[in-house]
Amino acid sequence: MSKKRKSKLWAAWVWLLTGVLHSFYLLVKSIAGLSGFIFSKAYKAGKQAAMEKYAEAVYRPVTVEKKLAGDLAEFEKKLSSKSTIGLILGARGSGKSALGMRILENMAAKGRKVCAMGFDGSALPGWIRPVNGVDEIPNGYFVLVDEGGILFSSRSS
């Protein structure tokens, strides 16, 4: 191989390596900046403001996206009974937790006491009582259990 060709090949490698290292540097710098923001006072103040915004449960009717069968009013009436167990099924990211929270909020707005299991208690509004286990659920409470497959797996039950 000629000396000129080796020089060009070496220059190409140096250029490529420099680009990769620069990209890695930018990635690390952006992650460090993001983590600095997450632990900043501005982030914490924004999170606190969001929590205060949802300090009270507000009733908002569930809207029908696609009607399969049944009556929505009858569904809400059935949820209000004292001994109903409901199950929300769906793929990851399909909105199961969001729907559960909406139902929980509607129950609280109608005067039911509510609690949730499987959530970080510091992230829940004040009107939801966080619980860590079934034995902590008071009688008469409407309960939302999230990630029940992990909390109650057959290996740990």
Protein backbone atom coordinates (compact mmCIF):
# COMPACT_ATOMS: atom_id res chain seq x y z
CA MET A 1 0.00 0.00 0.00
CA SER A 2 1.37 3.40 -0.90
CA LYS A 3 2.33 5.94 1.74
CA LYS A 4 -0.25 8.43 0.37
CA ARG A 5 -3.06 5.85 0.57
CA LYS A 6 -2.09 4.89 4.15
CA SER A 7 -2.16 8.55 5.10
CA LYS A 8 -5.69 9.00 3.67
CA LEU A 9 -6.88 5.82 5.39
CA TRP A 10 -5.42 6.99 8.70
CA ALA A 11 -7.06 10.40 8.28
CA ALA A 12 -10.43 8.71 7.64
CA TRP A 13 -10.07 6.61 10.81
CA VAL A 14 -9.12 9.64 12.87
CA TRP A 15 -12.09 11.57 11.44
CA LEU A 16 -14.49 8.69 12.22
CA LEU A 17 -13.13 8.17 15.75
CA THR A 18 -13.29 11.91 16.44
CA GLY A 19 -16.94 11.97 15.30
CA VAL A 20 -17.85 9.01 17.51
CA LEU A 21 -16.10 10.48 20.54
CA HIS A 22 -17.71 13.88 19.96
CA SER A 23 -21.16 12.25 19.71
CA PHE A 24 -20.52 10.34 22.93
CA TYR A 25 -19.40 13.56 24.63
CA LEU A 26 -22.60 15.35 23.53
CA LEU A 27 -24.72 12.45 24.79
CA VAL A 28 -23.03 12.45 28.21
CA LYS A 29 -23.31 16.23 28.39
CA SER A 30 -27.05 16.17 27.61
CA ILE A 31 -27.70 13.42 30.17
CA ALA A 32 -25.77 15.36 32.80
CA GLY A 33 -27.77 18.50 31.97
CA LEU A 34 -31.05 16.60 32.20
CA SER A 35 -30.14 15.05 35.54
CA GLY A 36 -29.16 18.50 36.82
CA PHE A 37 -32.60 19.77 35.81
CA ILE A 38 -34.40 16.85 37.45
CA PHE A 39 -32.72 17.58 40.77
CA SER A 40 -33.12 21.34 40.46
CA LYS A 41 -35.50 23.51 42.46
CA ALA A 42 -37.37 24.50 39.28
CA TYR A 43 -38.25 20.87 38.56
CA LYS A 44 -39.36 20.24 42.13
CA ALA A 45 -41.43 23.45 42.18
CA GLY A 46 -43.15 22.46 38.92
CA LYS A 47 -43.92 19.00 40.27
CA GLN A 48 -45.34 20.53 43.47
CA ALA A 49 -47.52 22.92 41.43
CA ALA A 50 -48.85 19.99 39.41
CA MET A 51 -49.65 18.08 42.61
CA GLU A 52 -51.51 21.08 44.05
CA LYS A 53 -53.51 21.42 40.85
CA TYR A 54 -54.94 17.96 41.48
CA ALA A 55 -55.44 18.40 45.22
CA GLU A 56 -59.14 17.55 44.90
CA ALA A 57 -60.89 14.87 42.90
CA VAL A 58 -63.04 16.25 40.10
CA TYR A 59 -65.80 14.22 38.47
CA ARG A 60 -65.43 14.05 34.72
CA PRO A 61 -67.59 11.52 32.93
CA VAL A 62 -65.85 8.75 31.05
CA THR A 63 -66.26 9.30 27.32
CA VAL A 64 -67.04 6.53 24.88
CA GLU A 65 -64.29 6.03 22.30
CA LYS A 66 -65.70 2.92 20.70
CA LYS A 67 -68.94 1.38 21.81
CA LEU A 68 -69.04 -2.38 21.77
CA ALA A 69 -72.09 -3.19 23.88
CA GLY A 70 -73.73 -2.13 27.12
CA ASP A 71 -74.60 1.16 28.76
CA LEU A 72 -72.03 3.54 30.27
CA ALA A 73 -74.41 4.75 33.01
CA GLU A 74 -75.06 1.15 34.01
CA PHE A 75 -71.30 0.52 34.06
CA GLU A 76 -70.73 3.45 36.46
CA LYS A 77 -73.64 2.24 38.62
CA LYS A 78 -72.11 -1.24 38.78
CA LEU A 79 -68.75 0.27 39.80
CA SER A 80 -70.44 2.11 42.66
CA SER A 81 -71.67 -1.08 44.30
CA LYS A 82 -69.80 -2.15 47.42
CA SER A 83 -68.47 -5.53 46.29
CA THR A 84 -67.50 -5.27 42.64
CA ILE A 85 -64.17 -6.48 41.30
CA GLY A 86 -63.15 -5.07 37.93
CA LEU A 87 -60.27 -5.99 35.68
CA ILE A 88 -58.73 -3.72 33.05
CA LEU A 89 -56.81 -5.61 30.39
CA GLY A 90 -54.69 -4.24 27.59
CA ALA A 91 -51.26 -4.06 26.04
CA ARG A 92 -48.39 -2.15 27.63
CA GLY A 93 -48.92 1.58 27.17
CA SER A 94 -52.57 1.25 26.16
CA GLY A 95 -53.85 3.42 29.05
CA LYS A 96 -54.90 0.88 31.68
CA SER A 97 -53.43 2.90 34.57
CA ALA A 98 -54.83 6.15 33.19
CA LEU A 99 -58.31 4.63 32.93
CA GLY A 100 -57.97 3.22 36.45
CA MET A 101 -57.00 6.64 37.78
CA ARG A 102 -59.96 8.28 36.00
CA ILE A 103 -62.34 5.76 37.56
CA LEU A 104 -60.68 6.28 40.96
CA GLU A 105 -61.07 10.05 40.61
CA ASN A 106 -64.74 9.72 39.65
CA MET A 107 -65.40 7.47 42.65
CA ALA A 108 -63.69 9.97 44.99
CA ALA A 109 -65.67 12.85 43.50
CA LYS A 110 -68.86 10.92 44.27
CA GLY A 111 -67.84 10.64 47.93
CA ARG A 112 -66.19 7.20 48.04
CA LYS A 113 -62.94 6.87 49.94
CA VAL A 114 -60.24 5.59 47.60
CA CYS A 115 -56.80 4.04 47.86
CA ALA A 116 -54.20 2.79 45.40
CA MET A 117 -51.66 0.00 45.53
CA GLY A 118 -48.63 -0.27 43.27
CA PHE A 119 -47.99 3.48 42.95
CA ASP A 120 -45.35 5.74 44.47
CA GLY A 121 -47.23 7.42 47.34
CA SER A 122 -45.39 10.72 46.87
CA ALA A 123 -46.72 10.93 43.30
CA LEU A 124 -50.38 10.48 44.29
CA PRO A 125 -52.73 13.38 45.06
CA GLY A 126 -53.79 13.82 48.68
CA TRP A 127 -57.26 12.38 48.17
CA ILE A 128 -55.82 8.95 47.28
CA ARG A 129 -54.57 6.90 50.21
CA PRO A 130 -51.48 4.89 49.18
CA VAL A 131 -51.30 1.30 50.47
CA ASN A 132 -48.52 -1.25 50.15
CA GLY A 133 -50.44 -4.44 50.80
CA VAL A 134 -53.91 -5.94 50.93
CA ASP A 135 -53.85 -5.93 54.73
CA GLU A 136 -53.57 -2.10 54.71
CA ILE A 137 -56.82 -1.56 52.74
CA PRO A 138 -59.55 -0.21 55.05
CA ASN A 139 -63.07 -1.61 54.78
CA GLY A 140 -65.35 0.26 52.40
CA TYR A 141 -62.57 1.77 50.27
CA PHE A 142 -62.54 1.71 46.47
CA VAL A 143 -59.13 0.26 45.53
CA LEU A 144 -57.01 0.53 42.39
CA VAL A 145 -54.29 -2.12 42.19
CA ASP A 146 -51.71 -1.42 39.50
CA GLU A 147 -49.18 -3.97 38.29
CA GLY A 148 -51.07 -6.73 40.07
CA GLY A 149 -49.26 -9.37 38.05
CA ILE A 150 -45.97 -8.30 39.63
CA LEU A 151 -47.26 -7.70 43.16
CA PHE A 152 -49.22 -10.93 43.32
CA SER A 153 -47.17 -13.32 41.20
CA SER A 154 -47.59 -17.04 41.84
CA ARG A 155 -44.00 -17.26 43.10
CA SER A 156 -44.44 -14.71 45.90
CA SER A 157 -48.06 -15.36 46.95
